[in-house]
Protein backbone atom coordinates (compact mmCIF):
# COMPACT_ATOMS: atom_id res chain seq x y z
CA MET A 1 55.09 -45.38 22.88
CA SER A 2 58.18 -45.06 20.62
CA VAL A 3 60.88 -42.70 21.67
CA ILE A 4 64.04 -41.95 19.40
CA GLN A 5 66.52 -41.09 21.79
CA GLY A 6 69.29 -38.75 21.33
CA GLU A 7 72.83 -38.44 22.87
CA ILE A 8 73.56 -37.11 26.26
CA GLU A 9 76.69 -36.03 28.40
CA ALA A 10 75.65 -36.95 31.82
CA LEU A 11 73.21 -39.01 33.42
CA PRO A 12 70.05 -37.10 35.18
CA ALA A 13 71.22 -37.78 38.21
CA GLU A 14 74.52 -36.77 37.95
CA THR A 15 73.52 -33.27 37.59
CA GLY A 16 71.03 -33.38 40.39
CA TYR A 17 67.70 -33.81 38.33
CA ASP A 18 65.17 -36.77 38.78
CA ALA A 19 65.61 -38.85 35.59
CA SER A 20 61.44 -40.23 36.04
CA ARG A 21 60.35 -36.74 35.10
CA ILE A 22 61.90 -37.41 31.63
CA GLU A 23 59.73 -40.59 31.27
CA GLN A 24 56.79 -38.32 32.17
CA LEU A 25 57.48 -35.85 29.37
CA ASN A 26 57.70 -38.96 26.84
CA CYS A 27 54.32 -39.46 27.95
CA ARG A 28 52.78 -36.17 27.50
CA PHE A 29 54.45 -35.69 24.41
CA GLN A 30 53.05 -39.18 23.03
CA ASP A 31 49.48 -38.22 24.34
CA MET A 32 49.63 -35.40 22.37
CA VAL A 33 50.17 -36.84 19.49
CA ASP A 34 47.57 -39.53 19.91
CA ARG A 35 45.05 -36.82 20.59
CA LYS A 36 46.73 -34.98 17.64
CA ILE A 37 48.02 -31.75 19.23
CA ILE A 38 51.22 -31.75 17.82
CA HIS A 39 52.51 -33.64 15.16
CA GLY A 40 55.94 -34.77 17.11
CA ALA A 41 58.20 -33.38 19.42
CA SER A 42 62.04 -33.26 19.33
CA TYR A 43 63.84 -31.68 23.02
CA CYS A 44 66.76 -31.21 24.37
CA ILE A 45 67.68 -30.54 28.07
CA SER A 46 70.86 -29.28 29.62
CA HIS A 47 71.42 -28.97 33.48
CA LYS A 48 75.32 -27.17 34.73
CA GLY A 49 76.00 -27.51 31.44
CA LYS A 50 75.69 -31.19 30.65
CA VAL A 51 73.10 -32.33 28.18
CA ILE A 52 70.97 -35.25 30.17
CA ALA A 53 68.35 -35.66 27.86
CA SER A 54 67.14 -35.99 23.81
CA GLY A 55 64.58 -37.44 21.96
CA GLY A 56 62.10 -37.55 19.21
CA ILE A 57 58.71 -38.57 19.33
CA GLY A 58 56.11 -38.83 16.83
CA ARG A 59 56.26 -37.61 13.14
CA ASN A 60 58.65 -35.38 10.99
CA ASN A 61 55.99 -33.75 8.96
CA ALA A 62 52.53 -32.80 8.81
CA LEU A 63 51.85 -34.49 5.73
CA GLY A 64 50.81 -37.74 7.20
CA ILE A 65 54.04 -39.44 6.32
CA SER A 66 54.96 -42.09 8.04
CA SER A 67 58.35 -40.64 9.03
CA SER A 68 59.80 -40.25 12.73
CA MET A 69 60.92 -37.28 14.33
CA ARG A 70 64.25 -37.45 15.77
CA PRO A 71 66.57 -35.84 18.26
CA ASP A 72 68.40 -33.56 15.06
CA THR A 73 65.07 -32.96 13.19
CA ILE A 74 65.89 -29.49 11.94
CA PHE A 75 63.21 -26.67 12.55
CA GLY A 76 62.67 -23.27 11.47
CA ILE A 77 62.82 -21.88 14.74
CA ALA A 78 60.51 -18.87 13.91
CA SER A 79 60.55 -16.28 16.78
CA LEU A 80 63.49 -17.74 18.74
CA THR A 81 65.25 -15.99 15.39
CA LYS A 82 64.98 -12.63 18.03
CA THR A 83 67.08 -13.65 20.20
CA PHE A 84 70.03 -14.18 17.51
CA THR A 85 69.32 -10.73 16.83
CA ALA A 86 69.06 -8.84 19.97
CA THR A 87 72.79 -10.95 20.65
CA ALA A 88 74.00 -9.68 17.82
CA ILE A 89 73.10 -6.02 18.38
CA MET A 90 74.29 -6.27 21.86
CA GLN A 91 77.83 -7.65 20.07
CA LEU A 92 77.95 -4.47 18.58
CA ILE A 93 76.92 -2.43 21.66
CA GLU A 94 80.15 -3.91 23.20
CA ASP A 95 82.23 -3.06 20.05
CA GLY A 96 81.17 0.54 21.10
CA LEU A 97 79.88 0.90 17.76
CA ILE A 98 76.25 1.77 18.69
CA ARG A 99 74.22 2.32 22.11
CA LEU A 100 71.01 0.61 23.28
CA ASP A 101 69.43 4.44 23.29
CA THR A 102 71.03 5.25 19.58
CA TYR A 103 68.35 6.41 17.67
CA VAL A 104 67.36 4.20 14.52
CA GLY A 105 67.14 7.26 12.41
CA ASP A 106 70.95 7.86 13.33
CA ILE A 107 71.74 4.62 11.02
CA LEU A 108 68.60 4.47 8.58
CA PRO A 109 67.76 8.17 7.34
CA GLN A 110 63.52 6.74 6.92
CA PHE A 111 63.42 6.92 10.50
CA ALA A 112 64.67 10.18 11.16
CA LYS A 113 61.66 11.98 10.67
CA LYS A 114 58.01 12.05 12.68
CA PRO A 115 56.67 9.89 14.43
CA PHE A 116 59.60 7.61 13.79
CA ASN A 117 62.02 9.96 15.21
CA ASP A 118 62.22 9.30 18.45
CA ILE A 119 62.05 5.05 18.21
CA THR A 120 66.27 3.89 19.44
CA LEU A 121 67.32 0.58 19.35
CA ARG A 122 66.07 -0.56 22.79
CA HIS A 123 62.38 0.17 21.66
CA LEU A 124 62.64 -2.16 18.88
CA LEU A 125 64.50 -4.58 20.87
CA THR A 126 61.68 -4.39 23.67
CA HIS A 127 58.39 -4.44 21.14
CA THR A 128 57.70 -0.52 22.36
CA SER A 129 58.57 0.88 19.32
CA GLY A 130 54.97 1.97 18.34
CA ILE A 131 54.89 0.18 14.88
CA TYR A 132 52.25 -1.95 13.71
CA PRO A 133 52.31 -5.42 15.61
CA ASP A 134 51.78 -8.57 14.03
CA GLU A 135 48.58 -9.64 12.76
CA GLY A 136 46.62 -11.14 14.68
CA CYS A 137 47.48 -9.54 17.87
CA PHE A 138 44.65 -6.96 17.86
CA GLU A 139 40.72 -8.10 16.93
CA GLU A 140 40.71 -3.92 15.36
CA PRO A 141 41.06 -3.46 11.79
CA ALA A 142 44.41 -2.24 11.04
CA PRO A 143 46.62 -1.15 7.95
CA LYS A 144 48.16 -3.29 5.43
CA ASN A 145 51.15 -5.15 6.92
CA GLN A 146 54.51 -4.33 6.20
CA TRP A 147 55.01 -7.19 3.93
CA ASP A 148 52.17 -6.32 1.67
CA LEU A 149 52.92 -2.87 1.60
CA ILE A 150 56.70 -3.85 0.62
CA ALA A 151 54.84 -5.85 -2.28
CA GLU A 152 52.86 -3.14 -3.44
CA ALA A 153 55.98 -1.37 -3.84
CA ALA A 154 58.12 -3.48 -5.47
CA GLU A 155 55.71 -4.25 -7.73
CA LYS A 156 55.61 -0.40 -8.81
CA TRP A 157 59.30 -0.52 -8.77
CA ASN A 158 61.07 0.09 -11.83
CA GLY A 159 64.40 -1.56 -11.30
CA GLN A 160 66.62 1.54 -11.17
CA GLY A 161 68.94 1.91 -8.55
CA GLU A 162 68.32 0.30 -4.78
CA PHE A 163 65.07 -0.76 -3.69
CA ASP A 164 63.92 0.93 -0.73
CA TRP A 165 61.28 -1.57 1.00
CA ILE A 166 61.62 0.39 4.35
CA THR A 167 59.98 3.36 3.18
CA PRO A 168 56.81 1.80 2.30
CA ALA A 169 56.72 -0.74 5.10
CA ILE A 170 56.14 2.02 7.62
CA SER A 171 53.75 4.22 5.20
CA GLY A 172 51.20 3.33 7.76
CA GLY A 173 52.90 5.17 10.80
CA LEU A 174 52.59 4.17 14.56
CA ARG A 175 49.97 2.36 16.43
CA ARG A 176 50.83 4.19 19.59
CA PRO A 177 53.45 6.79 20.80
CA THR A 178 56.74 5.26 21.05
CA GLY A 179 57.38 3.60 24.20
CA THR A 180 53.96 3.59 25.73
CA GLU A 181 52.35 0.21 25.02
CA TRP A 182 54.18 -3.57 24.26
CA GLN A 183 53.08 -4.82 20.98
CA TYR A 184 54.72 -7.39 19.39
CA SER A 185 56.54 -6.65 16.06
CA SER A 186 58.38 -9.04 14.15
CA PHE A 187 59.33 -6.41 11.75
CA GLY A 188 60.81 -4.36 14.14
CA PHE A 189 63.51 -7.06 14.37
CA VAL A 190 63.66 -7.18 10.51
CA ILE A 191 64.74 -3.31 10.93
CA LEU A 192 67.57 -3.99 13.84
CA GLY A 193 68.38 -6.72 11.12
CA GLU A 194 69.39 -3.63 8.74
CA VAL A 195 70.45 -1.80 11.41
CA ILE A 196 73.42 -4.43 12.54
CA SER A 197 73.83 -4.78 8.10
CA ARG A 198 74.78 -1.26 7.99
CA VAL A 199 76.78 -0.90 10.97
CA SER A 200 78.89 -3.81 10.48
CA GLY A 201 79.42 -3.57 6.97
CA GLN A 202 78.40 -7.22 6.55
CA ASN A 203 75.18 -8.72 5.34
CA VAL A 204 73.13 -9.76 8.59
CA HIS A 205 72.22 -12.95 8.26
CA ASP A 206 76.58 -13.71 7.31
CA TYR A 207 77.20 -11.59 10.67
CA ILE A 208 75.04 -13.53 12.94
CA GLU A 209 76.42 -16.91 11.21
CA GLU A 210 79.58 -15.91 11.73
CA LYS A 211 79.57 -14.16 15.30
CA ILE A 212 77.47 -16.77 17.12
CA ILE A 213 76.34 -19.57 15.31
CA HIS A 214 79.65 -20.88 13.92
CA PRO A 215 81.68 -20.08 17.15
CA LEU A 216 78.87 -22.17 19.39
CA LYS A 217 79.49 -24.82 16.71
CA MET A 218 75.33 -24.81 16.06
CA THR A 219 76.30 -26.98 12.62
CA ASP A 220 72.87 -27.52 12.33
CA SER A 221 71.98 -24.26 12.18
CA GLY A 222 71.83 -20.85 10.14
CA PHE A 223 69.37 -18.86 7.72
CA PHE A 224 70.40 -21.19 4.59
CA HIS A 225 69.61 -24.74 4.19
CA THR A 226 72.48 -27.28 3.21
CA PRO A 227 71.48 -30.68 1.28
CA ALA A 228 72.28 -31.76 4.48
CA THR A 229 70.08 -30.06 6.58
CA ALA A 230 67.13 -29.78 4.48
CA LYS A 231 67.21 -33.61 4.35
CA ARG A 232 66.54 -33.74 7.98
CA SER A 233 64.01 -30.96 8.17
CA PHE A 234 60.38 -31.22 9.17
CA VAL A 235 57.81 -30.79 6.60
CA LYS A 236 55.24 -28.67 7.06
CA ASN A 237 53.46 -28.33 3.82
CA GLU A 238 53.55 -29.69 0.20
CA SER A 239 55.21 -26.63 -1.45
CA GLN A 240 57.76 -27.24 1.35
CA LYS A 241 58.47 -30.48 0.33
CA VAL A 242 59.02 -29.86 -3.18
CA TYR A 243 61.90 -26.59 -1.78
CA PHE A 244 63.36 -28.78 0.56
CA ASP A 245 63.51 -31.73 -2.46
CA LYS A 246 65.17 -29.18 -4.90
CA ILE A 247 67.79 -28.27 -2.45
CA VAL A 248 68.80 -32.04 -1.56
CA SER A 249 68.72 -32.39 -5.18
CA GLY A 250 71.06 -29.74 -5.88
CA GLU A 251 68.63 -27.92 -8.23
CA ILE A 252 68.56 -24.67 -6.27
CA ASP A 253 71.11 -23.45 -3.64
CA SER A 254 69.16 -21.54 -0.72
CA ARG A 255 71.97 -19.41 -0.42
CA ASN A 256 71.57 -17.81 -3.64
CA GLY A 257 68.06 -16.67 -3.20
CA ASP A 258 65.48 -16.25 -6.01
CA GLY A 259 67.05 -12.92 -7.09
CA SER A 260 63.83 -10.73 -6.26
CA VAL A 261 63.45 -7.56 -3.58
CA TRP A 262 62.89 -9.97 -1.08
CA ASP A 263 66.87 -11.76 -1.10
CA LYS A 264 67.41 -7.76 0.29
CA ILE A 265 65.14 -7.94 3.15
CA PRO A 266 66.77 -9.32 6.59
CA SER A 267 65.06 -12.65 7.64
CA THR A 268 66.40 -11.75 11.29
CA GLY A 269 62.64 -11.78 12.86
CA GLY A 270 62.25 -15.47 12.49
CA GLY A 271 64.14 -17.03 9.71
CA ILE A 272 67.08 -19.07 11.38
CA HIS A 273 66.63 -23.30 11.49
CA SER A 274 68.23 -25.25 14.11
CA THR A 275 67.83 -28.19 16.34
CA ALA A 276 67.01 -27.96 20.14
CA TYR A 277 70.44 -29.31 20.42
CA ASP A 278 72.06 -26.34 18.79
CA LEU A 279 69.43 -24.38 20.92
CA VAL A 280 70.44 -25.88 23.91
CA LYS A 281 74.18 -24.30 23.17
CA PHE A 282 73.33 -20.97 22.74
CA GLY A 283 71.47 -21.00 25.77
CA ASN A 284 73.96 -22.74 27.79
CA ALA A 285 76.29 -19.50 26.57
CA PHE A 286 73.77 -17.02 28.94
CA VAL A 287 74.06 -19.57 31.30
CA ASN A 288 77.87 -19.15 31.32
CA SER A 289 77.87 -15.15 31.09
CA GLY A 290 78.42 -15.57 27.31
CA ARG A 291 80.65 -18.07 26.68
CA PHE A 292 80.46 -21.74 25.58
CA ASP A 293 82.94 -24.79 25.06
CA GLY A 294 86.09 -22.28 24.86
CA ALA A 295 83.55 -19.56 22.43
CA ARG A 296 83.07 -15.85 23.87
CA ILE A 297 79.72 -14.39 22.11
CA LEU A 298 79.17 -12.05 25.09
CA GLY A 299 80.22 -10.51 28.30
CA ARG A 300 78.69 -11.07 31.51
CA LYS A 301 77.28 -8.01 31.71
CA SER A 302 75.84 -7.86 28.43
CA VAL A 303 73.70 -11.07 29.05
CA GLU A 304 73.05 -9.61 32.69
CA LYS A 305 71.72 -6.30 30.85
CA MET A 306 69.76 -8.76 28.25
CA SER A 307 68.35 -11.09 30.75
CA SER A 308 66.81 -8.08 33.17
CA VAL A 309 63.55 -6.63 33.13
CA GLN A 310 63.55 -3.39 30.36
CA LEU A 311 60.14 -2.15 30.81
CA TYR A 312 58.24 -0.47 33.65
CA GLY A 313 54.40 0.30 34.03
CA ILE A 314 54.36 -0.39 30.04
CA PRO A 315 51.17 -2.19 29.21
CA ASP A 316 50.22 -5.11 27.03
CA TYR A 317 46.79 -5.92 25.31
CA CYS A 318 48.11 -7.98 22.85
CA TRP A 319 46.19 -11.42 21.72
CA ASN A 320 43.31 -10.22 24.84
CA ALA A 321 46.24 -9.96 27.31
CA LYS A 322 45.21 -7.26 30.18
CA GLU A 323 48.83 -7.18 31.61
CA PRO A 324 49.35 -3.27 32.95
CA ASN A 325 53.16 -4.01 33.72
CA ARG A 326 54.97 -6.11 30.67
CA LEU A 327 58.15 -7.90 31.85
CA TYR A 328 60.35 -7.81 28.97
CA GLY A 329 64.20 -7.94 28.41
CA ILE A 330 66.49 -7.53 25.45
CA GLY A 331 65.24 -9.66 22.84
CA PHE A 332 64.21 -12.16 25.40
CA ASP A 333 60.65 -12.74 26.86
CA ILE A 334 60.74 -12.65 31.22
CA ARG A 335 57.39 -14.33 32.00
CA ARG A 336 55.94 -14.85 35.39
CA GLY A 337 53.04 -15.92 36.96
CA PRO A 338 50.88 -18.93 38.07
CA ALA A 339 51.59 -20.52 34.41
CA TYR A 340 55.33 -21.21 34.74
CA SER A 341 57.76 -22.90 37.30
CA TYR A 342 61.02 -21.51 36.47
CA SER A 343 62.99 -19.91 38.48
CA ASP A 344 62.74 -15.41 38.44
CA ARG A 345 65.96 -15.41 36.70
CA THR A 346 64.72 -17.25 33.66
CA ILE A 347 64.76 -15.95 30.03
CA MET A 348 62.89 -17.31 27.23
CA HIS A 349 61.29 -17.55 23.65
CA GLU A 350 58.56 -19.07 22.00
CA GLY A 351 58.68 -19.68 18.34
CA ALA A 352 55.43 -20.02 16.21
CA GLY A 353 53.87 -22.94 15.50
CA ALA A 354 55.49 -24.09 17.86
CA SER A 355 58.87 -24.03 19.40
CA SER A 356 60.57 -22.55 22.82
CA LEU A 357 63.84 -22.30 24.70
CA ASP A 358 64.01 -21.42 28.13
CA ILE A 359 67.18 -20.55 29.80
CA ASP A 360 67.31 -20.75 34.05
CA LEU A 361 69.96 -18.94 34.92
CA GLU A 362 69.74 -19.80 38.84
CA GLU A 363 69.39 -23.10 38.42
CA GLN A 364 71.34 -23.74 35.15
CA LEU A 365 68.77 -25.61 33.39
CA VAL A 366 67.99 -24.79 29.55
CA ALA A 367 65.35 -26.60 27.83
CA ALA A 368 64.76 -26.30 23.77
CA TRP A 369 61.55 -28.09 22.26
CA PHE A 370 59.92 -28.19 18.76
CA VAL A 371 56.58 -29.58 18.94
CA PRO A 372 55.06 -28.60 15.59
CA PHE A 373 50.93 -28.05 16.03
CA ASP A 374 48.57 -30.54 14.69
CA GLU A 375 44.56 -29.88 14.09
CA GLY A 376 43.89 -30.24 17.49
CA ALA A 377 45.61 -27.25 18.57
CA ASN A 378 43.60 -24.94 16.79
CA GLY A 379 46.11 -22.79 15.77
CA TRP A 380 47.88 -22.61 19.04
CA SER A 381 48.26 -24.64 22.27
CA ALA A 382 49.63 -23.98 25.60
CA GLU A 383 49.62 -27.16 26.52
CA PRO A 384 53.13 -28.19 24.61
CA LEU A 385 54.62 -25.07 25.63
CA TYR A 386 53.41 -24.37 29.27
CA ASN A 387 52.53 -27.99 30.58
CA VAL A 388 55.98 -29.17 28.79
CA GLN A 389 57.65 -26.67 30.91
CA ASN A 390 56.59 -27.80 34.08
CA ILE A 391 57.31 -30.91 33.36
CA ILE A 392 61.23 -30.48 32.63
CA TRP A 393 61.55 -27.85 35.49
CA SER A 394 59.72 -30.69 38.21
CA GLY A 395 62.80 -32.51 37.64
CA LEU A 396 65.19 -30.60 39.56
CA MET A 397 66.07 -31.62 43.01
């Protein structure tokens, strides 16, 4: 087993953590690599504010190239981005510009008419707006997804004025009445990104980088790649390799976009890239009531709000679930049950493909790990996510 060790700030024993569980973690990661469940793993664990473990195992690409995964390998964090978007919304709430019960239609006129006029920011943040969820959530036939509807409208657009991408995107209406069912909607967080831009007067990507990522010194994170970050990124397919190579060579600047209408649409549902180490900084800000290493991104009451259950008696049937009472916070998942061993005061989020960020506020334990699925995962596997969480939390003494 070959493990590339990252920098740590304290030995596990110094914080009351059993170092032997890190050995077990590495063994399980290697086993999953050998069985082609994952291509590799990059992880970081912090306990009581100190990084106690950091490592990389396996390959840093899905192309079969012999190149090692490292602790500082950069990944697209997919839906973990939603936690940053929710944090930005809470910052604007703290500044008195909006509230969780603000109607989306008060900010975006496309939502000021039925059946969308009852949707609040809280509904979008908790996936209870009723708008159509991500493809694959349900087996039933669904109308065209929001991205296809935008693409069709873009083809017909005459290029005059400002392109309205919201109207076609929501033209399919609602799948369920607002506030009645939990339906995972990445597009809802794209809408929240537009809300942030309108309310703050600043492009949402710039806002999140300036107000959250930069203050936390997350130097390997952001919406736009530099040659340095592209060079260290996990490569999932050939087209992405070509794209990264062009950034590294200076042929393209990812911040400039491609000049299409898609440049105008927020990537706040899943567009951030980061490292496990950087994500642990973000997680520790929540452990420390909104502050980390001298930076303040939120106040204590906002953290309490985000980490408390917001839904009561709302069912969840996504991905064949049969949950009568879905637990969810503000932008964070709150999962309980036999699959998980963390404390009840834990917030988390999973990213497609896959990644996880788990923040145990009671135990002051934060863990982030990237585990890109290989062919043995058959599209998704609980083993690199839930089983790994149990190993990490088993080290608490």
